[in-house]
N, C-alpha and C. Protein backbone atom coordinates (compact mmCIF):
# COMPACT_ATOMS: atom_id res chain seq x y z
N UNK A 1 5.17 -25.37 36.04
CA UNK A 1 5.13 -23.91 36.02
C UNK A 1 4.55 -23.45 34.69
N UNK A 2 3.59 -22.55 34.75
CA UNK A 2 2.94 -22.04 33.55
C UNK A 2 3.79 -20.92 32.94
N UNK A 3 3.96 -20.99 31.62
CA UNK A 3 4.71 -19.95 30.93
C UNK A 3 3.84 -18.71 30.80
N UNK A 4 4.49 -17.56 30.77
CA UNK A 4 3.80 -16.28 30.63
C UNK A 4 3.63 -15.99 29.14
N UNK A 5 2.53 -16.47 28.55
CA UNK A 5 2.27 -16.36 27.12
C UNK A 5 1.27 -15.24 26.86
N UNK A 6 1.49 -14.55 25.75
CA UNK A 6 0.62 -13.44 25.37
C UNK A 6 0.27 -13.57 23.90
N UNK A 7 -0.97 -13.28 23.55
CA UNK A 7 -1.41 -13.27 22.15
C UNK A 7 -1.23 -11.86 21.61
N UNK A 8 -0.49 -11.75 20.49
CA UNK A 8 -0.28 -10.44 19.87
C UNK A 8 -0.68 -10.52 18.40
N UNK A 9 -0.99 -9.38 17.82
CA UNK A 9 -1.28 -9.27 16.40
C UNK A 9 -0.32 -8.23 15.82
N UNK A 10 0.38 -8.63 14.78
CA UNK A 10 1.33 -7.75 14.11
C UNK A 10 0.80 -7.42 12.73
N UNK A 11 1.09 -6.23 12.26
CA UNK A 11 0.71 -5.79 10.91
C UNK A 11 1.96 -5.82 10.05
N UNK A 12 1.94 -6.65 9.00
CA UNK A 12 3.02 -6.71 8.03
C UNK A 12 2.44 -6.29 6.69
N UNK A 13 2.72 -5.06 6.31
CA UNK A 13 2.11 -4.42 5.15
C UNK A 13 0.60 -4.52 5.31
N UNK A 14 -0.10 -5.18 4.42
CA UNK A 14 -1.57 -5.26 4.51
C UNK A 14 -2.04 -6.50 5.26
N UNK A 15 -1.12 -7.26 5.80
CA UNK A 15 -1.45 -8.54 6.43
C UNK A 15 -1.35 -8.45 7.95
N UNK A 16 -2.31 -9.08 8.60
CA UNK A 16 -2.27 -9.20 10.07
C UNK A 16 -1.82 -10.61 10.42
N UNK A 17 -0.92 -10.69 11.37
CA UNK A 17 -0.40 -11.97 11.84
C UNK A 17 -0.63 -12.04 13.34
N UNK A 18 -1.40 -13.04 13.77
CA UNK A 18 -1.65 -13.24 15.20
C UNK A 18 -0.87 -14.46 15.67
N UNK A 19 -0.22 -14.33 16.80
CA UNK A 19 0.56 -15.44 17.33
C UNK A 19 0.70 -15.32 18.84
N UNK A 20 1.02 -16.45 19.45
CA UNK A 20 1.28 -16.50 20.89
C UNK A 20 2.78 -16.41 21.10
N UNK A 21 3.20 -15.52 21.98
CA UNK A 21 4.63 -15.34 22.26
C UNK A 21 4.84 -15.28 23.76
N UNK A 22 6.05 -15.58 24.17
CA UNK A 22 6.41 -15.37 25.57
C UNK A 22 6.36 -13.87 25.84
N UNK A 23 5.72 -13.49 26.92
CA UNK A 23 5.54 -12.06 27.23
C UNK A 23 6.85 -11.27 27.17
N UNK A 24 7.96 -11.79 27.71
CA UNK A 24 9.21 -11.00 27.63
C UNK A 24 9.71 -10.78 26.20
N UNK A 25 9.29 -11.65 25.27
CA UNK A 25 9.74 -11.54 23.88
C UNK A 25 8.87 -10.61 23.04
N UNK A 26 7.74 -10.16 23.56
CA UNK A 26 6.80 -9.36 22.80
C UNK A 26 7.45 -8.13 22.14
N UNK A 27 8.28 -7.35 22.86
CA UNK A 27 8.89 -6.18 22.20
C UNK A 27 9.78 -6.56 21.01
N UNK A 28 10.43 -7.70 21.10
CA UNK A 28 11.30 -8.14 20.00
C UNK A 28 10.48 -8.44 18.76
N UNK A 29 9.34 -9.09 18.94
CA UNK A 29 8.46 -9.36 17.80
C UNK A 29 7.95 -8.06 17.19
N UNK A 30 7.59 -7.11 18.02
CA UNK A 30 7.09 -5.84 17.49
C UNK A 30 8.20 -5.07 16.75
N UNK A 31 9.41 -5.10 17.29
CA UNK A 31 10.54 -4.45 16.62
C UNK A 31 10.86 -5.13 15.30
N UNK A 32 10.76 -6.45 15.28
CA UNK A 32 11.02 -7.19 14.04
C UNK A 32 9.98 -6.83 12.98
N UNK A 33 8.72 -6.75 13.37
CA UNK A 33 7.67 -6.37 12.42
C UNK A 33 7.90 -4.97 11.89
N UNK A 34 8.30 -4.07 12.77
CA UNK A 34 8.58 -2.69 12.34
C UNK A 34 9.73 -2.66 11.33
N UNK A 35 10.79 -3.42 11.61
CA UNK A 35 11.94 -3.47 10.70
C UNK A 35 11.54 -4.07 9.36
N UNK A 36 10.74 -5.15 9.37
CA UNK A 36 10.30 -5.75 8.12
C UNK A 36 9.45 -4.78 7.31
N UNK A 37 8.57 -4.06 7.96
CA UNK A 37 7.75 -3.07 7.26
C UNK A 37 8.60 -1.95 6.68
N UNK A 38 9.62 -1.51 7.41
CA UNK A 38 10.52 -0.47 6.89
C UNK A 38 11.25 -0.96 5.65
N UNK A 39 11.74 -2.19 5.69
CA UNK A 39 12.46 -2.73 4.54
C UNK A 39 11.52 -2.93 3.35
N UNK A 40 10.27 -3.37 3.63
CA UNK A 40 9.28 -3.53 2.57
C UNK A 40 9.02 -2.20 1.89
N UNK A 41 8.84 -1.14 2.67
CA UNK A 41 8.59 0.19 2.09
C UNK A 41 9.80 0.68 1.30
N UNK A 42 10.99 0.37 1.78
CA UNK A 42 12.21 0.73 1.06
C UNK A 42 12.20 0.12 -0.34
N UNK A 43 11.92 -1.18 -0.43
CA UNK A 43 11.90 -1.84 -1.73
C UNK A 43 10.71 -1.38 -2.57
N UNK A 44 9.58 -1.11 -1.94
CA UNK A 44 8.40 -0.62 -2.68
C UNK A 44 8.73 0.71 -3.37
N UNK A 45 9.47 1.59 -2.68
CA UNK A 45 9.85 2.87 -3.29
C UNK A 45 10.85 2.68 -4.41
N UNK A 46 11.79 1.76 -4.22
CA UNK A 46 12.83 1.52 -5.24
C UNK A 46 12.29 0.79 -6.45
N UNK A 47 11.28 -0.06 -6.25
CA UNK A 47 10.75 -0.90 -7.34
C UNK A 47 9.23 -0.83 -7.36
N UNK A 48 8.67 0.31 -7.76
CA UNK A 48 7.21 0.47 -7.70
C UNK A 48 6.44 -0.49 -8.59
N UNK A 49 7.07 -1.06 -9.59
CA UNK A 49 6.38 -1.99 -10.49
C UNK A 49 6.40 -3.43 -9.99
N UNK A 50 7.18 -3.71 -8.96
CA UNK A 50 7.31 -5.08 -8.46
C UNK A 50 6.04 -5.52 -7.73
N UNK A 51 5.75 -6.79 -7.81
CA UNK A 51 4.59 -7.33 -7.10
C UNK A 51 4.89 -7.40 -5.60
N UNK A 52 3.83 -7.53 -4.83
CA UNK A 52 3.99 -7.66 -3.38
C UNK A 52 4.85 -8.88 -3.06
N UNK A 53 4.63 -9.98 -3.78
CA UNK A 53 5.41 -11.20 -3.55
C UNK A 53 6.89 -10.96 -3.82
N UNK A 54 7.19 -10.25 -4.90
CA UNK A 54 8.61 -9.95 -5.20
C UNK A 54 9.22 -9.08 -4.12
N UNK A 55 8.47 -8.09 -3.65
CA UNK A 55 9.00 -7.20 -2.61
C UNK A 55 9.30 -7.98 -1.34
N UNK A 56 8.39 -8.87 -0.94
CA UNK A 56 8.65 -9.69 0.26
C UNK A 56 9.83 -10.63 0.04
N UNK A 57 10.03 -11.08 -1.20
CA UNK A 57 11.18 -11.92 -1.50
C UNK A 57 12.48 -11.15 -1.25
N UNK A 58 12.53 -9.90 -1.68
CA UNK A 58 13.72 -9.08 -1.45
C UNK A 58 13.94 -8.83 0.04
N UNK A 59 12.85 -8.60 0.77
CA UNK A 59 12.97 -8.41 2.22
C UNK A 59 13.52 -9.68 2.86
N UNK A 60 12.97 -10.83 2.49
CA UNK A 60 13.42 -12.10 3.06
C UNK A 60 14.89 -12.36 2.73
N UNK A 61 15.28 -12.07 1.50
CA UNK A 61 16.67 -12.28 1.10
C UNK A 61 17.60 -11.37 1.91
N UNK A 62 17.22 -10.12 2.08
CA UNK A 62 18.05 -9.19 2.86
C UNK A 62 18.21 -9.68 4.30
N UNK A 63 17.10 -10.12 4.90
CA UNK A 63 17.15 -10.62 6.28
C UNK A 63 18.04 -11.86 6.35
N UNK A 64 17.89 -12.76 5.38
CA UNK A 64 18.72 -13.96 5.36
C UNK A 64 20.20 -13.65 5.22
N UNK A 65 20.54 -12.72 4.34
CA UNK A 65 21.94 -12.32 4.17
C UNK A 65 22.48 -11.71 5.46
N UNK A 66 21.67 -10.87 6.12
CA UNK A 66 22.11 -10.27 7.38
C UNK A 66 22.35 -11.34 8.45
N UNK A 67 21.47 -12.34 8.52
CA UNK A 67 21.65 -13.43 9.49
C UNK A 67 22.93 -14.21 9.21
N UNK A 68 23.17 -14.50 7.93
CA UNK A 68 24.38 -15.24 7.57
C UNK A 68 25.64 -14.43 7.87
N UNK A 69 25.59 -13.14 7.59
CA UNK A 69 26.73 -12.26 7.87
C UNK A 69 27.01 -12.21 9.36
N UNK A 70 25.96 -12.08 10.17
CA UNK A 70 26.12 -12.06 11.63
C UNK A 70 26.67 -13.39 12.14
N UNK A 71 26.17 -14.50 11.60
CA UNK A 71 26.65 -15.82 12.02
C UNK A 71 28.13 -15.99 11.70
N UNK A 72 28.55 -15.54 10.51
CA UNK A 72 29.97 -15.62 10.15
C UNK A 72 30.82 -14.78 11.07
N UNK A 73 30.37 -13.56 11.36
CA UNK A 73 31.14 -12.67 12.22
C UNK A 73 31.30 -13.28 13.62
N UNK A 74 30.25 -13.94 14.12
CA UNK A 74 30.33 -14.56 15.44
C UNK A 74 31.26 -15.76 15.44
N UNK A 75 31.30 -16.51 14.35
CA UNK A 75 32.17 -17.70 14.31
C UNK A 75 33.63 -17.31 14.13
N UNK A 76 33.89 -16.14 13.56
CA UNK A 76 35.26 -15.67 13.38
C UNK A 76 35.81 -15.07 14.66
N UNK A 77 34.94 -14.40 15.42
CA UNK A 77 35.37 -13.70 16.63
C UNK A 77 35.79 -14.64 17.72
């Protein structure tokens, strides 16, 4: 059986990312890109002197902390 794969391009700040995803997952990828861009802009406003690399580091750290917090909450419940 052939999987329903779709090629999408996402914009993350000034970068374009093209990837193949399962068609049903496409909205999740788009929502994730939107959330990452929102967090990037949040840090850009708070730290206008920071480099792009530093800003993405803060975004990545925030996402990682949120994942760890969610994982802990699920293991406790």
